[in-house]
Protein backbone atom coordinates (compact mmCIF):
# COMPACT_ATOMS: atom_id res chain seq x y z
CA MET A 1 151.26 122.40 7.49
CA GLU A 2 153.85 123.64 9.93
CA SER A 3 153.95 122.23 13.43
CA CYS A 4 151.55 123.97 15.81
CA HIS A 5 152.93 124.26 19.35
CA PRO A 6 149.57 125.17 20.99
CA CYS A 7 147.80 122.21 19.34
CA ALA A 8 150.57 119.83 20.42
CA LYS A 9 150.16 121.02 24.01
CA GLU A 10 146.37 120.82 23.80
CA ALA A 11 146.67 117.15 22.83
CA GLU A 12 148.42 116.58 26.21
CA PHE A 13 146.03 118.81 28.19
CA HIS A 14 145.41 116.51 31.18
CA SER A 15 149.12 115.93 31.80
CA LEU A 16 150.26 119.54 31.42
CA PRO A 17 151.96 121.36 34.31
CA PRO A 18 150.09 124.23 36.02
CA HIS A 19 151.69 126.97 33.90
CA GLU A 20 150.29 125.30 30.74
CA ARG A 21 146.72 125.12 32.08
CA ILE A 22 146.18 127.92 34.54
CA ALA A 23 142.51 127.95 33.57
CA ALA A 24 140.36 126.56 30.78
CA ASP A 25 136.85 126.09 29.55
CA ASP A 26 135.52 124.28 26.49
CA ARG A 27 136.84 126.97 24.13
CA TRP A 28 139.84 128.70 25.75
CA ARG A 29 142.99 127.75 27.67
CA VAL A 30 145.22 130.10 29.68
CA VAL A 31 148.97 129.52 29.96
CA HIS A 32 151.94 131.41 31.34
CA ALA A 33 154.44 132.28 28.60
CA PHE A 34 157.30 129.80 28.90
CA ASP A 35 159.94 132.09 27.40
CA SER A 36 159.30 135.24 29.41
CA ALA A 37 161.44 137.19 31.81
CA LEU A 38 158.29 139.00 32.99
CA PRO A 39 156.24 137.29 35.73
CA GLY A 40 152.57 136.99 34.84
CA TRP A 41 152.89 137.13 31.04
CA LEU A 42 149.80 135.12 30.11
CA VAL A 43 148.67 133.68 26.79
CA LEU A 44 145.00 133.02 26.00
CA LEU A 45 144.53 130.31 23.34
CA PRO A 46 141.53 128.85 21.57
CA ARG A 47 141.41 125.12 22.29
CA ARG A 48 140.84 124.29 18.63
CA HIS A 49 143.22 125.18 15.82
CA VAL A 50 142.39 128.57 14.32
CA THR A 51 144.83 130.89 12.55
CA ALA A 52 142.87 134.12 12.09
CA LEU A 53 140.68 136.15 14.41
CA HIS A 54 137.85 136.22 11.87
CA ASP A 55 137.72 132.41 12.00
CA LEU A 56 136.62 132.32 15.64
CA THR A 57 133.12 130.97 16.12
CA ASP A 58 130.52 133.27 17.65
CA ALA A 59 130.75 131.26 20.88
CA GLU A 60 134.56 131.63 20.96
CA ALA A 61 134.25 135.34 20.26
CA ALA A 62 131.65 135.76 23.01
CA GLY A 63 134.03 134.29 25.58
CA LEU A 64 137.09 136.20 24.39
CA GLY A 65 136.28 139.53 26.03
CA THR A 66 135.19 137.88 29.25
CA TRP A 67 138.46 135.94 29.47
CA GLN A 68 140.55 139.05 28.73
CA VAL A 69 138.85 141.01 31.51
CA ARG A 70 138.97 138.10 33.99
CA LEU A 71 142.68 137.60 33.33
CA SER A 72 143.42 141.32 33.62
CA ARG A 73 141.63 141.40 36.97
CA ALA A 74 143.47 138.31 38.18
CA LEU A 75 146.82 139.79 37.17
CA GLN A 76 146.03 143.04 38.95
CA ALA A 77 145.01 141.16 42.11
CA VAL A 78 147.93 138.72 42.13
CA THR A 79 150.81 140.83 40.73
CA GLY A 80 149.62 144.33 41.62
CA CYS A 81 150.08 145.53 38.03
CA ALA A 82 148.82 148.99 37.11
CA LYS A 83 147.22 147.75 33.87
CA THR A 84 147.47 144.99 31.30
CA TYR A 85 148.34 144.99 27.62
CA VAL A 86 146.45 142.71 25.23
CA VAL A 87 148.26 141.83 21.99
CA GLN A 88 147.55 139.37 19.15
CA PHE A 89 149.75 138.66 16.12
CA ALA A 90 150.03 134.85 15.67
CA GLU A 91 152.86 135.07 13.12
CA ALA A 92 155.83 133.24 14.66
CA GLU A 93 156.78 129.85 13.23
CA GLY A 94 154.94 127.15 15.16
CA PHE A 95 152.66 129.78 16.73
CA ALA A 96 150.36 130.78 13.84
CA HIS A 97 147.52 129.53 16.09
CA VAL A 98 145.55 132.60 17.23
CA HIS A 99 146.62 133.59 20.73
CA PHE A 100 146.37 136.70 22.87
CA HIS A 101 149.17 137.96 25.09
CA ILE A 102 147.76 139.34 28.35
CA VAL A 103 150.75 141.21 29.77
CA PRO A 104 150.92 142.84 33.20
CA ARG A 105 152.38 146.35 33.13
CA MET A 106 153.75 147.22 36.51
CA ALA A 107 153.60 150.84 37.73
CA ASP A 108 157.39 151.03 37.94
CA LEU A 109 158.11 149.62 34.46
CA PRO A 110 160.56 152.04 32.79
CA MET A 111 159.03 154.14 30.01
CA GLU A 112 161.40 152.64 27.43
CA LEU A 113 159.88 149.17 28.08
CA ARG A 114 156.22 150.22 27.91
CA GLY A 115 153.86 149.62 25.02
CA PRO A 116 155.21 147.39 22.23
CA ASN A 117 158.68 147.50 23.83
CA VAL A 118 157.36 145.14 26.52
CA PHE A 119 158.25 142.37 24.03
CA HIS A 120 161.83 142.95 25.21
CA PHE A 121 160.93 140.47 27.98
CA LEU A 122 160.44 137.70 25.38
CA ARG A 123 163.81 138.37 23.77
CA ARG A 124 165.92 137.95 26.89
CA PRO A 125 168.54 135.20 27.20
CA ASP A 126 167.28 131.89 28.62
CA GLU A 127 169.01 132.45 31.94
CA GLU A 128 166.82 135.54 32.50
CA HIS A 129 163.55 133.69 31.92
CA MET A 130 161.40 132.98 34.95
CA ALA A 131 162.55 130.05 37.04
CA PRO A 132 160.17 127.09 36.59
CA GLU A 133 159.34 126.95 40.30
CA ARG A 134 158.41 130.64 40.36
CA MET A 135 156.31 130.29 37.19
CA GLU A 136 154.41 127.33 38.65
CA ALA A 137 153.78 129.14 41.95
CA LEU A 138 152.50 132.25 40.18
CA SER A 139 150.36 130.10 37.86
CA LEU A 140 148.76 128.38 40.85
CA ALA A 141 148.11 131.73 42.56
CA LEU A 142 146.41 133.00 39.39
CA ARG A 143 144.39 129.76 39.14
CA ASP A 144 143.26 130.12 42.76
CA HIS A 145 142.16 133.68 42.13
CA LEU A 146 140.25 132.71 38.97
CA LEU A 147 138.46 129.89 40.80
CA ARG A 148 137.02 132.18 43.48
CA PRO A 149 133.21 132.22 43.30
CA SER A 150 133.04 136.00 42.94
CA GLY A 151 135.20 135.88 39.80
CA HIS A 152 137.35 138.76 41.09
């Protein structure tokens, strides 16, 4: 079996930095994409190893939609995005673990970067990726928003 990056991180859950555990429950963990040039690019991961959507338990599936909506609301509140994209492939080496990209789409994003072309932000050179300090600050702001009693 190939190495699974999400499972390796899950094994270190309690020592992970804020961007690797923005929020979590018993079934799902929310992280900020580490290789993104787009602030707020979130990844929603099941906490157990699963490689296909149809292998989610009923309980995992029940929480999936709630998490996607909560994260979209948090991104709108914290980043001011116009909408969010939700994408799931789980095909990259080391990332066959099911995961959902929750991507903020800002109102001023050029048309040529909208839709599937938003993945341009994951193919940028390392020096264009978010600075660690900025990623941690944004992750903490998202966590604070998610922890509010009203939920939005």
